Amino acid sequence: MAIANFMPLFRWFRRQTLWLNVLGGLLVTLAIVLPFPLGAQTVFPEIRGVWITNNDTVHFMDQTRTRESVDLLADLNFNTLYPVVWNSGYVLYESAIAKREGIQPFSPKGDQGQDVLADLITQAHRRKLLVLPWFEFGFMAPPFSELVKRHPTWLTQRQDGSQTSISAAGEVVWLNPFRPEVQQFMTELVMEVVHNYDIDGVQFDDHTALPNEFGYDPYTIALYQQETEQAPPKDPKDANWTRWRADKITAFMTQLNLTIKAAKPNILVSLSPATYRLAYNTYLQDWLDWVRKGIVDEVVVQVYRTSLPTFQEPIRRAEFQEAKTKVPTAVGILTGLPTKQVPMPLVTAKVREATGQGMGTAFFYYKTLWDVAPEEKSARIQEFKRLFPYPAPRSLAKIVPPPINADPLAPLSPPSVPPVSPRRAPPLNGIPITVEFPGQVAPPSPSFPPPLSSPSPPPPRPQDGFPPEPTLDETIPTDWYP
């Protein structure tokens, strides 16, 4: 009788033990799949952006079309616009700085006489979209622009004295990012927009940099010799020479960030670079360091690849995995060019891959979302509606008014920044990102003070863990492939 009374209790206990074992197994599985505490994960609002390029300018010159375009983007649950304001050596807004420099031979007013940028901002904020004016050309300029004619000494050069390079924008020259006059000019342009418009941020891209073969002008050579007691190496990819120039650009961006934040602390400083190895090794832009130092508030990395497999590989790299834990991070996706229309299924697959990796997306560029495309406009719009079926609101910036009596033409006095040390930067915290030049091992950090002669380059060896870059489609400019 006692045994009979005990059996129901025994069976109940066994059932509870089974569920406890199942629950325990699930917890162990989660501990393996999610090795970091859930509370430590930072979730940022998803970026859903689009660049408005100079090719789109005509479309946005008319107030009615601007309103209709913004309404369509908002209805499709986009949340961020990146309108170009600095392109081909010109600004696309009314600029006292441009007039002072004599570089603006035309008026950027709209068809109804309106300020095009101000009108776009008004329409975007009406629908709760963020607007981050985009300084597309960075330190780049056309060789025959008014700016270059007025300031020829602002240019940098290669060892052979040549000054031009071929980019996605055609033949260009490069303003020397190490010259105080160039830094002052760029800062003035940025701050003019910051002070005069109700913006939510500003965006810089892969041209706020310098191709690694440049920097052999007399000014930069003298500065390098003064700080390191060495002549610049003949190899433009020399590790120490690369690091010194990259650190100088980082120092300028640090100072620019401080100047922006001093005027309007809550607006965003956005960056749209190439993937990290290309950005650092080829364009001296150490954007992962910028993320770690808090110089940028969001990153939209350009990955303009022509197939899904070649798109998937770079966005799974360590720099993406680290960046998205620190700032809102998105992948720049090419929706097409007039000569290279991208089919919507490929765009869709890339968006799903990016969002599956926990990142947002931004599209290059507005006209190729649906106006210049292989499918009908209505079909493209319906697909974007399926891609973004729910809103992803981003908070509008809290605009802080400019200082009293702010004069855009007055000399700027940005906060002081400690000078960049001539020695190699110490290892950064976080996920280590290997920076290795093709066919050689990254050399060890030099001692400090630096030796009077450069160390011998290490013997070449095959690249470790570097997958081959994709075969490029010749119809798309090659430097659009980060």
Protein backbone atom coordinates (compact mmCIF):
# COMPACT_ATOMS: atom_id res chain seq x y z
CA MET A 1 0.00 0.00 0.00
CA ALA A 2 2.83 2.39 0.88
CA ILE A 3 4.60 1.50 -2.39
CA ALA A 4 1.42 2.06 -4.40
CA ASN A 5 1.02 5.50 -2.88
CA PHE A 6 4.64 6.40 -3.69
CA MET A 7 4.57 5.48 -7.42
CA PRO A 8 2.53 8.53 -8.65
CA LEU A 9 4.93 10.81 -6.80
CA PHE A 10 7.91 8.99 -8.37
CA ARG A 11 6.46 9.33 -11.90
CA TRP A 12 5.79 13.07 -11.32
CA PHE A 13 9.40 13.58 -10.16
CA ARG A 14 10.76 11.79 -13.26
CA ARG A 15 8.71 14.08 -15.52
CA GLN A 16 10.08 17.17 -13.76
CA THR A 17 13.64 15.83 -14.06
CA LEU A 18 13.16 15.30 -17.80
CA TRP A 19 12.05 18.92 -18.31
CA LEU A 20 14.89 20.15 -16.14
CA ASN A 21 17.34 18.20 -18.30
CA VAL A 22 15.82 19.71 -21.47
CA LEU A 23 15.99 23.19 -19.99
CA GLY A 24 19.57 22.62 -18.91
CA GLY A 25 20.51 21.48 -22.40
CA LEU A 26 18.98 24.58 -23.91
CA LEU A 27 20.92 26.79 -21.52
CA VAL A 28 24.17 25.01 -22.39
CA THR A 29 23.43 25.43 -26.10
CA LEU A 30 22.75 29.14 -25.66
CA ALA A 31 25.95 29.50 -23.68
CA ILE A 32 27.86 28.04 -26.63
CA VAL A 33 26.09 30.01 -29.33
CA LEU A 34 26.01 33.24 -27.34
CA PRO A 35 29.28 33.28 -25.38
CA PHE A 36 28.75 36.89 -24.29
CA PRO A 37 26.08 38.00 -21.81
CA LEU A 38 22.93 39.17 -23.54
CA GLY A 39 22.97 42.27 -21.39
CA ALA A 40 26.33 43.25 -22.90
CA GLN A 41 24.96 43.38 -26.46
CA THR A 42 24.33 46.88 -27.78
CA VAL A 43 21.41 47.18 -30.17
CA PHE A 44 21.41 50.29 -32.35
CA PRO A 45 18.57 51.54 -34.56
CA GLU A 46 18.84 50.02 -38.01
CA ILE A 47 20.19 52.36 -40.68
CA ARG A 48 18.11 52.39 -43.86
CA GLY A 49 19.71 55.09 -45.92
CA VAL A 50 20.16 56.35 -49.44
CA TRP A 51 22.76 58.63 -50.99
CA ILE A 52 21.50 61.57 -53.02
CA THR A 53 24.28 62.27 -55.51
CA ASN A 54 24.96 65.06 -57.95
CA ASN A 55 23.24 62.82 -60.54
CA ASP A 56 20.08 63.19 -58.44
CA THR A 57 20.37 66.95 -58.02
CA VAL A 58 18.03 67.81 -60.92
CA HIS A 59 15.32 65.64 -59.37
CA PHE A 60 15.52 67.49 -56.05
CA MET A 61 15.65 71.00 -57.51
CA ASP A 62 11.85 71.06 -57.70
CA GLN A 63 9.97 71.40 -54.41
CA THR A 64 7.04 69.22 -55.45
CA ARG A 65 9.25 66.38 -56.64
CA THR A 66 11.34 66.66 -53.47
CA ARG A 67 8.24 66.31 -51.32
CA GLU A 68 6.96 63.35 -53.35
CA SER A 69 10.36 61.62 -53.22
CA VAL A 70 10.68 62.05 -49.46
CA ASP A 71 7.13 60.80 -48.94
CA LEU A 72 7.86 57.68 -50.99
CA LEU A 73 11.06 56.94 -49.07
CA ALA A 74 9.28 57.45 -45.75
CA ASP A 75 6.36 55.23 -46.83
CA LEU A 76 8.93 52.51 -47.65
CA ASN A 77 10.37 52.87 -44.13
CA PHE A 78 13.71 54.42 -45.06
CA ASN A 79 15.07 56.57 -42.25
CA THR A 80 18.24 58.39 -43.39
CA LEU A 81 19.24 60.62 -46.32
CA TYR A 82 22.81 61.46 -47.32
CA PRO A 83 22.58 64.40 -49.77
CA VAL A 84 25.86 65.45 -51.40
CA VAL A 85 27.04 68.98 -50.55
CA TRP A 86 30.73 68.87 -51.63
CA ASN A 87 31.45 67.49 -55.09
CA SER A 88 33.85 68.26 -57.96
CA GLY A 89 35.39 71.19 -56.11
CA TYR A 90 32.01 72.88 -55.63
CA VAL A 91 29.43 73.12 -52.85
CA LEU A 92 25.74 72.46 -53.49
CA TYR A 93 24.38 75.10 -51.14
CA GLU A 94 24.71 78.87 -50.69
CA SER A 95 28.21 79.19 -49.25
CA ALA A 96 29.98 82.30 -47.98
CA ILE A 97 33.18 80.24 -47.85
CA ALA A 98 32.90 79.32 -51.54
CA LYS A 99 32.25 82.94 -52.48
CA ARG A 100 35.23 84.09 -50.46
CA GLU A 101 37.45 81.58 -52.22
CA GLY A 102 36.01 82.44 -55.64
CA ILE A 103 35.25 78.79 -56.39
CA GLN A 104 31.51 78.98 -57.02
CA PRO A 105 30.64 80.31 -60.50
CA PHE A 106 26.99 79.19 -60.29
CA SER A 107 24.07 79.43 -57.88
CA PRO A 108 22.80 76.19 -56.34
CA LYS A 109 19.27 77.53 -55.79
CA GLY A 110 16.29 75.38 -56.77
CA ASP A 111 13.70 75.84 -59.49
CA GLN A 112 11.49 77.93 -57.20
CA GLY A 113 14.44 79.95 -55.90
CA GLN A 114 14.60 77.85 -52.74
CA ASP A 115 17.60 76.65 -50.78
CA VAL A 116 17.61 73.03 -51.99
CA LEU A 117 19.34 71.59 -48.93
CA ALA A 118 17.10 73.47 -46.49
CA ASP A 119 14.00 72.34 -48.41
CA LEU A 120 15.13 68.70 -48.36
CA ILE A 121 15.78 68.90 -44.61
CA THR A 122 12.32 70.40 -44.00
CA GLN A 123 10.59 67.70 -46.02
CA ALA A 124 12.65 64.91 -44.42
CA HIS A 125 12.02 66.09 -40.87
CA ARG A 126 8.31 66.36 -41.65
CA ARG A 127 8.43 62.57 -42.19
CA LYS A 128 10.96 61.94 -39.40
CA LEU A 129 13.91 61.04 -41.65
CA LEU A 130 17.42 62.04 -40.64
CA VAL A 131 19.51 64.19 -43.00
CA LEU A 132 23.32 63.96 -42.93
CA PRO A 133 24.91 66.14 -45.64
CA TRP A 134 27.64 64.20 -47.42
CA PHE A 135 31.06 65.71 -48.18
CA GLU A 136 31.66 63.28 -51.01
CA PHE A 137 34.88 64.59 -52.51
CA GLY A 138 36.79 64.95 -49.24
CA PHE A 139 40.36 65.95 -50.14
CA MET A 140 39.75 65.25 -53.84
CA ALA A 141 39.27 67.94 -56.52
CA PRO A 142 39.19 68.15 -60.33
CA PRO A 143 42.57 69.29 -61.68
CA PHE A 144 41.10 72.35 -63.43
CA SER A 145 38.66 73.43 -60.74
CA GLU A 146 38.62 77.01 -59.47
CA LEU A 147 39.85 75.78 -56.09
CA VAL A 148 42.97 74.19 -57.58
CA LYS A 149 43.69 77.19 -59.80
CA ARG A 150 43.46 79.48 -56.78
CA HIS A 151 45.52 77.29 -54.44
CA PRO A 152 48.02 75.20 -56.44
CA THR A 153 50.32 74.88 -53.42
CA TRP A 154 47.61 72.99 -51.54
CA LEU A 155 48.17 69.89 -53.67
CA THR A 156 50.27 66.88 -52.79
CA GLN A 157 52.12 64.63 -55.23
CA ARG A 158 53.84 61.34 -55.93
CA GLN A 159 57.60 60.78 -55.87
CA ASP A 160 57.84 61.55 -59.59
CA GLY A 161 56.06 64.88 -59.10
CA SER A 162 52.79 63.80 -60.75
CA GLN A 163 49.64 65.03 -59.06
CA THR A 164 46.67 63.36 -60.73
CA SER A 165 45.05 59.98 -60.24
CA ILE A 166 42.07 58.22 -61.79
CA SER A 167 39.05 57.69 -59.57
CA ALA A 168 35.38 56.88 -59.95
CA ALA A 169 34.95 60.61 -60.60
CA GLY A 170 37.55 60.63 -63.39
CA GLU A 171 40.90 62.39 -63.23
CA VAL A 172 41.44 64.17 -59.90
CA VAL A 173 44.12 65.80 -57.78
CA TRP A 174 44.45 65.55 -54.02
CA LEU A 175 44.50 68.40 -51.52
CA ASN A 176 47.24 67.79 -48.98
CA PRO A 177 45.47 66.69 -45.78
CA PHE A 178 48.61 67.49 -43.75
CA ARG A 179 48.68 71.21 -44.62
CA PRO A 180 47.03 73.52 -42.04
CA GLU A 181 45.48 75.63 -44.83
CA VAL A 182 43.71 72.60 -46.30
CA GLN A 183 42.53 71.44 -42.90
CA GLN A 184 41.24 74.95 -42.17
CA PHE A 185 39.37 75.12 -45.47
CA MET A 186 37.69 71.73 -45.01
CA THR A 187 36.79 72.57 -41.41
CA GLU A 188 35.24 75.86 -42.50
CA LEU A 189 33.08 74.16 -45.14
CA VAL A 190 31.85 71.56 -42.67
CA MET A 191 31.15 74.07 -39.94
CA GLU A 192 29.30 76.34 -42.35
CA VAL A 193 26.80 73.52 -42.94
CA VAL A 194 26.71 72.64 -39.25
CA HIS A 195 25.91 76.23 -38.24
CA ASN A 196 23.53 77.17 -41.04
CA TYR A 197 21.30 74.10 -41.43
CA ASP A 198 19.02 72.06 -39.18
CA ILE A 199 21.01 68.89 -39.87
CA ASP A 200 21.18 65.62 -37.96
CA GLY A 201 24.82 65.01 -38.78
CA VAL A 202 27.49 65.15 -41.45
CA GLN A 203 29.02 62.33 -43.46
CA PHE A 204 32.54 61.83 -44.78
CA ASP A 205 33.63 58.96 -46.99
CA ASP A 206 36.58 57.13 -48.50
CA HIS A 207 37.88 60.38 -50.05
CA THR A 208 38.54 61.93 -46.65
CA ALA A 209 41.82 60.14 -47.07
CA LEU A 210 44.82 60.00 -49.40
CA PRO A 211 46.06 57.34 -51.85
CA ASN A 212 49.22 55.83 -50.40
CA GLU A 213 51.44 56.87 -53.34
CA PHE A 214 50.91 60.54 -52.44
CA GLY A 215 52.63 62.61 -49.74
CA TYR A 216 55.96 63.28 -51.47
CA ASP A 217 55.45 67.05 -51.77
CA PRO A 218 58.06 69.37 -50.16
CA TYR A 219 55.80 70.33 -47.23
CA THR A 220 55.05 66.75 -46.19
CA ILE A 221 58.64 65.61 -46.70
CA ALA A 222 59.90 68.40 -44.45
CA LEU A 223 57.29 67.63 -41.79
CA TYR A 224 58.15 63.93 -41.80
CA GLN A 225 61.89 64.66 -41.54
CA GLN A 226 61.28 67.09 -38.68
CA GLU A 227 59.28 64.54 -36.68
CA THR A 228 61.21 61.35 -37.46
CA GLU A 229 64.72 62.52 -38.47
CA GLN A 230 64.33 60.37 -41.60
CA ALA A 231 63.50 60.94 -45.22
CA PRO A 232 60.23 59.37 -46.40
CA PRO A 233 60.83 55.84 -47.69
CA LYS A 234 60.81 55.32 -51.42
CA ASP A 235 58.33 52.49 -50.92
CA PRO A 236 54.96 54.27 -50.47
CA LYS A 237 53.66 51.14 -48.71
CA ASP A 238 56.38 51.19 -46.05
CA ALA A 239 54.67 50.34 -42.76
CA ASN A 240 56.08 53.25 -40.72
CA TRP A 241 55.46 55.77 -43.50
CA THR A 242 51.90 54.45 -43.90
CA ARG A 243 51.28 54.65 -40.17
CA TRP A 244 52.65 58.21 -39.87
CA ARG A 245 50.39 59.54 -42.63
CA ALA A 246 47.36 57.60 -41.40
CA ASP A 247 47.88 58.98 -37.90
CA LYS A 248 48.00 62.52 -39.29
CA ILE A 249 44.64 62.05 -40.98
CA THR A 250 43.27 60.55 -37.77
CA ALA A 251 44.51 63.58 -35.83
CA PHE A 252 42.71 65.92 -38.24
CA MET A 253 39.47 63.93 -37.95
CA THR A 254 39.77 64.00 -34.17
CA GLN A 255 40.08 67.77 -34.25
CA LEU A 256 37.22 68.11 -36.73
CA ASN A 257 34.99 65.92 -34.56
CA LEU A 258 35.71 68.08 -31.53
CA THR A 259 34.91 71.24 -33.47
CA ILE A 260 31.60 69.82 -34.70
CA LYS A 261 30.60 68.58 -31.27
CA ALA A 262 31.52 71.90 -29.66
CA ALA A 263 28.91 73.56 -31.90
CA LYS A 264 26.21 70.86 -31.85
CA PRO A 265 27.03 68.03 -29.44
CA ASN A 266 24.20 65.71 -30.44
CA ILE A 267 24.56 65.55 -34.20
CA LEU A 268 26.14 62.52 -35.81
CA VAL A 269 29.56 62.28 -37.42
CA SER A 270 29.14 59.56 -40.03
CA LEU A 271 31.76 57.81 -42.15
CA SER A 272 31.37 55.78 -45.34
CA PRO A 273 34.75 54.12 -45.92
CA ALA A 274 36.02 51.22 -47.97
CA THR A 275 36.54 47.88 -46.27
CA TYR A 276 39.32 48.10 -43.74
CA ARG A 277 42.31 46.55 -45.50
CA LEU A 278 41.73 48.67 -48.59
CA ALA A 279 40.97 51.80 -46.56
CA TYR A 280 44.13 51.56 -44.45
CA ASN A 281 46.66 50.03 -46.83
CA THR A 282 45.65 51.97 -49.94
CA TYR A 283 43.99 55.16 -48.68
CA LEU A 284 45.66 55.70 -45.28
CA GLN A 285 42.26 55.76 -43.58
CA ASP A 286 42.34 53.86 -40.30
CA TRP A 287 38.61 53.95 -39.77
CA LEU A 288 38.53 51.15 -37.21
CA ASP A 289 40.80 53.28 -35.05
CA TRP A 290 38.32 56.14 -35.55
CA VAL A 291 35.51 53.92 -34.30
CA ARG A 292 37.54 52.84 -31.28
CA LYS A 293 38.48 56.43 -30.46
CA GLY A 294 34.88 57.64 -30.75
CA ILE A 295 35.68 59.96 -33.68
CA VAL A 296 32.67 58.69 -35.66
CA ASP A 297 29.13 57.95 -34.50
CA GLU A 298 28.10 55.62 -37.32
CA VAL A 299 29.82 53.69 -40.12
CA VAL A 300 28.42 52.79 -43.54
CA VAL A 301 31.03 50.61 -45.26
CA GLN A 302 30.94 50.54 -49.05
CA VAL A 303 30.82 46.97 -50.36
CA TYR A 304 30.00 47.40 -54.05
CA ARG A 305 30.49 43.80 -55.18
CA THR A 306 28.86 42.27 -58.25
CA SER A 307 27.89 38.88 -56.79
CA LEU A 308 26.48 37.62 -53.52
CA PRO A 309 29.47 35.41 -52.52
CA THR A 310 31.95 38.25 -53.01
CA PHE A 311 29.61 40.47 -50.98
CA GLN A 312 29.21 37.99 -48.13
CA GLU A 313 32.91 37.50 -47.40
CA PRO A 314 33.92 41.04 -46.46
CA ILE A 315 30.87 41.84 -44.30
CA ARG A 316 31.71 38.87 -42.09
CA ARG A 317 35.20 40.15 -41.35
CA ALA A 318 36.32 41.07 -37.86
CA GLU A 319 36.20 44.82 -38.42
CA PHE A 320 32.47 44.66 -39.13
CA GLN A 321 31.86 42.42 -36.14
CA GLU A 322 33.64 44.88 -33.86
CA ALA A 323 32.25 48.08 -35.35
CA LYS A 324 28.63 47.01 -34.99
CA THR A 325 29.12 46.56 -31.23
CA LYS A 326 30.32 50.16 -30.87
CA VAL A 327 28.33 52.31 -33.33
CA PRO A 328 25.40 51.91 -35.72
CA THR A 329 26.90 50.06 -38.68
CA ALA A 330 25.53 49.57 -42.17
CA VAL A 331 26.66 48.15 -45.49
CA GLY A 332 26.71 50.35 -48.56
CA ILE A 333 24.98 48.49 -51.42
CA LEU A 334 25.21 49.44 -55.08
CA THR A 335 21.71 49.57 -56.59
CA GLY A 336 23.09 50.42 -60.00
CA LEU A 337 24.77 52.82 -62.37
CA PRO A 338 23.45 54.22 -65.64
CA THR A 339 25.81 51.84 -67.47
CA LYS A 340 25.49 48.96 -65.02
CA GLN A 341 21.96 48.30 -63.83
CA VAL A 342 21.73 45.91 -60.89
CA PRO A 343 18.82 43.42 -60.82
CA MET A 344 16.55 43.62 -57.80
CA PRO A 345 17.00 39.97 -56.72
CA LEU A 346 20.70 40.65 -56.15
CA VAL A 347 19.91 43.83 -54.18
CA THR A 348 17.40 41.87 -52.10
CA ALA A 349 19.87 39.08 -51.36
CA LYS A 350 22.49 41.61 -50.22
CA VAL A 351 20.04 43.40 -47.95
CA ARG A 352 19.00 40.15 -46.32
CA GLU A 353 22.62 39.15 -45.85
CA ALA A 354 23.49 42.50 -44.22
CA THR A 355 20.47 42.51 -41.92
CA GLY A 356 21.13 38.88 -41.08
CA GLN A 357 24.55 39.99 -39.86
CA GLY A 358 22.90 42.58 -37.61
CA MET A 359 23.71 45.61 -39.78
CA GLY A 360 21.72 48.23 -41.64
CA THR A 361 21.94 49.19 -45.29
CA ALA A 362 22.42 52.30 -47.42
CA PHE A 363 21.96 52.40 -51.17
CA PHE A 364 24.06 54.07 -53.84
CA TYR A 365 22.20 55.95 -55.18
CA TYR A 366 18.66 57.43 -55.26
CA LYS A 367 18.04 57.38 -59.03
CA THR A 368 19.02 53.70 -59.29
CA LEU A 369 16.63 52.58 -56.56
CA TRP A 370 13.91 52.40 -59.22
CA ASP A 371 14.19 55.14 -61.85
CA VAL A 372 17.21 53.61 -63.65
CA ALA A 373 16.83 49.85 -63.22
CA PRO A 374 16.27 46.65 -65.21
CA GLU A 375 12.80 46.11 -63.66
CA GLU A 376 9.70 48.27 -63.76
CA LYS A 377 9.61 51.04 -61.16
CA SER A 378 6.48 49.64 -59.51
CA ALA A 379 8.08 46.21 -59.13
CA ARG A 380 11.21 47.66 -57.49
CA ILE A 381 9.09 49.73 -55.11
CA GLN A 382 7.05 46.68 -54.11
CA GLU A 383 10.24 44.74 -53.39
CA PHE A 384 11.57 47.50 -51.14
CA LYS A 385 8.22 47.45 -49.36
CA ARG A 386 8.72 43.74 -48.71
CA LEU A 387 12.31 44.30 -47.58
CA PHE A 388 11.34 46.93 -45.01
CA PRO A 389 7.79 46.03 -43.92
CA TYR A 390 8.02 47.86 -40.59
CA PRO A 391 9.41 51.24 -39.52
CA ALA A 392 12.88 51.60 -38.01
CA PRO A 393 12.77 55.04 -36.41
CA ARG A 394 15.97 56.90 -35.62
CA SER A 395 15.79 59.77 -33.16
CA LEU A 396 16.14 63.21 -34.66
CA ALA A 397 19.21 65.07 -33.47
CA LYS A 398 18.79 67.69 -30.78
CA ILE A 399 20.00 70.82 -32.47
CA VAL A 400 22.13 73.08 -30.34
CA PRO A 401 22.16 76.70 -31.58
CA PRO A 402 25.48 78.08 -32.80
CA PRO A 403 27.44 80.46 -30.59
CA ILE A 404 26.26 84.04 -30.55
CA ASN A 405 27.75 86.17 -33.34
CA ALA A 406 29.12 83.10 -35.11
CA ASP A 407 30.72 84.27 -38.34
CA PRO A 408 31.29 81.59 -41.03
CA LEU A 409 34.15 83.64 -42.44
CA ALA A 410 35.92 84.14 -39.12
CA PRO A 411 39.03 82.00 -38.53
CA LEU A 412 38.20 78.86 -36.60
CA SER A 413 39.89 77.96 -33.37
CA PRO A 414 39.22 74.25 -32.97
CA PRO A 415 40.01 72.56 -29.67
CA SER A 416 43.62 71.63 -29.36
CA VAL A 417 44.59 68.04 -30.01
CA PRO A 418 47.81 66.46 -28.79
CA PRO A 419 50.28 66.07 -31.65
CA VAL A 420 50.53 62.64 -33.18
CA SER A 421 53.56 60.75 -31.94
CA PRO A 422 56.05 59.80 -34.66
CA ARG A 423 56.31 56.31 -33.23
CA ARG A 424 54.00 53.54 -34.28
CA ALA A 425 50.68 53.55 -32.46
CA PRO A 426 50.36 50.95 -29.68
CA PRO A 427 48.05 47.98 -30.22
CA LEU A 428 44.38 48.96 -30.05
CA ASN A 429 41.88 47.31 -27.77
CA GLY A 430 39.21 45.03 -29.17
CA ILE A 431 39.39 42.55 -32.01
CA PRO A 432 42.86 42.68 -33.55
CA ILE A 433 42.73 43.50 -37.26
CA THR A 434 45.77 42.35 -39.18
CA VAL A 435 47.11 45.01 -41.54
CA GLU A 436 49.39 43.23 -43.95
CA PHE A 437 50.67 44.36 -47.30
CA PRO A 438 50.33 41.91 -50.16
CA GLY A 439 53.11 39.34 -50.10
CA GLN A 440 54.83 40.42 -46.90
CA VAL A 441 54.60 40.11 -43.15
CA ALA A 442 53.66 43.22 -41.18
CA PRO A 443 56.92 44.39 -39.57
CA PRO A 444 57.22 44.62 -35.79
CA SER A 445 56.67 47.93 -34.05
CA PRO A 446 59.86 50.01 -34.07
CA SER A 447 61.58 51.20 -30.95
CA PHE A 448 61.23 54.79 -29.76
CA PRO A 449 62.94 57.09 -30.50
CA PRO A 450 62.84 55.76 -34.07
CA PRO A 451 66.09 54.52 -35.58
CA LEU A 452 67.85 56.77 -38.07
CA SER A 453 67.52 54.19 -40.81
CA SER A 454 64.46 52.23 -41.81
CA PRO A 455 64.53 48.51 -40.93
CA SER A 456 65.03 46.09 -43.77
CA PRO A 457 61.78 44.82 -45.20
CA PRO A 458 60.86 41.29 -44.13
CA PRO A 459 61.14 38.52 -46.67
CA PRO A 460 58.00 37.99 -48.74
CA ARG A 461 55.69 35.14 -48.01
CA PRO A 462 52.18 34.16 -49.10
CA GLN A 463 49.33 36.13 -47.57
CA ASP A 464 47.95 34.49 -44.45
CA GLY A 465 44.18 34.26 -44.36
CA PHE A 466 43.64 36.87 -47.09
CA PRO A 467 41.04 35.62 -49.55
CA PRO A 468 41.57 36.79 -53.10
CA GLU A 469 39.72 39.91 -54.13
CA PRO A 470 36.89 39.29 -56.61
CA THR A 471 37.28 39.61 -60.32
CA LEU A 472 36.21 43.14 -61.12
CA ASP A 473 33.59 44.06 -63.64
CA GLU A 474 35.31 46.56 -65.92
CA THR A 475 32.08 48.50 -66.44
CA ILE A 476 32.27 49.69 -62.82
CA PRO A 477 35.22 51.86 -61.71
CA THR A 478 37.71 49.62 -59.96
CA ASP A 479 38.11 51.78 -56.87
CA TRP A 480 34.42 51.26 -56.13
CA TYR A 481 35.28 47.75 -54.99
CA PRO A 482 36.33 47.98 -51.33
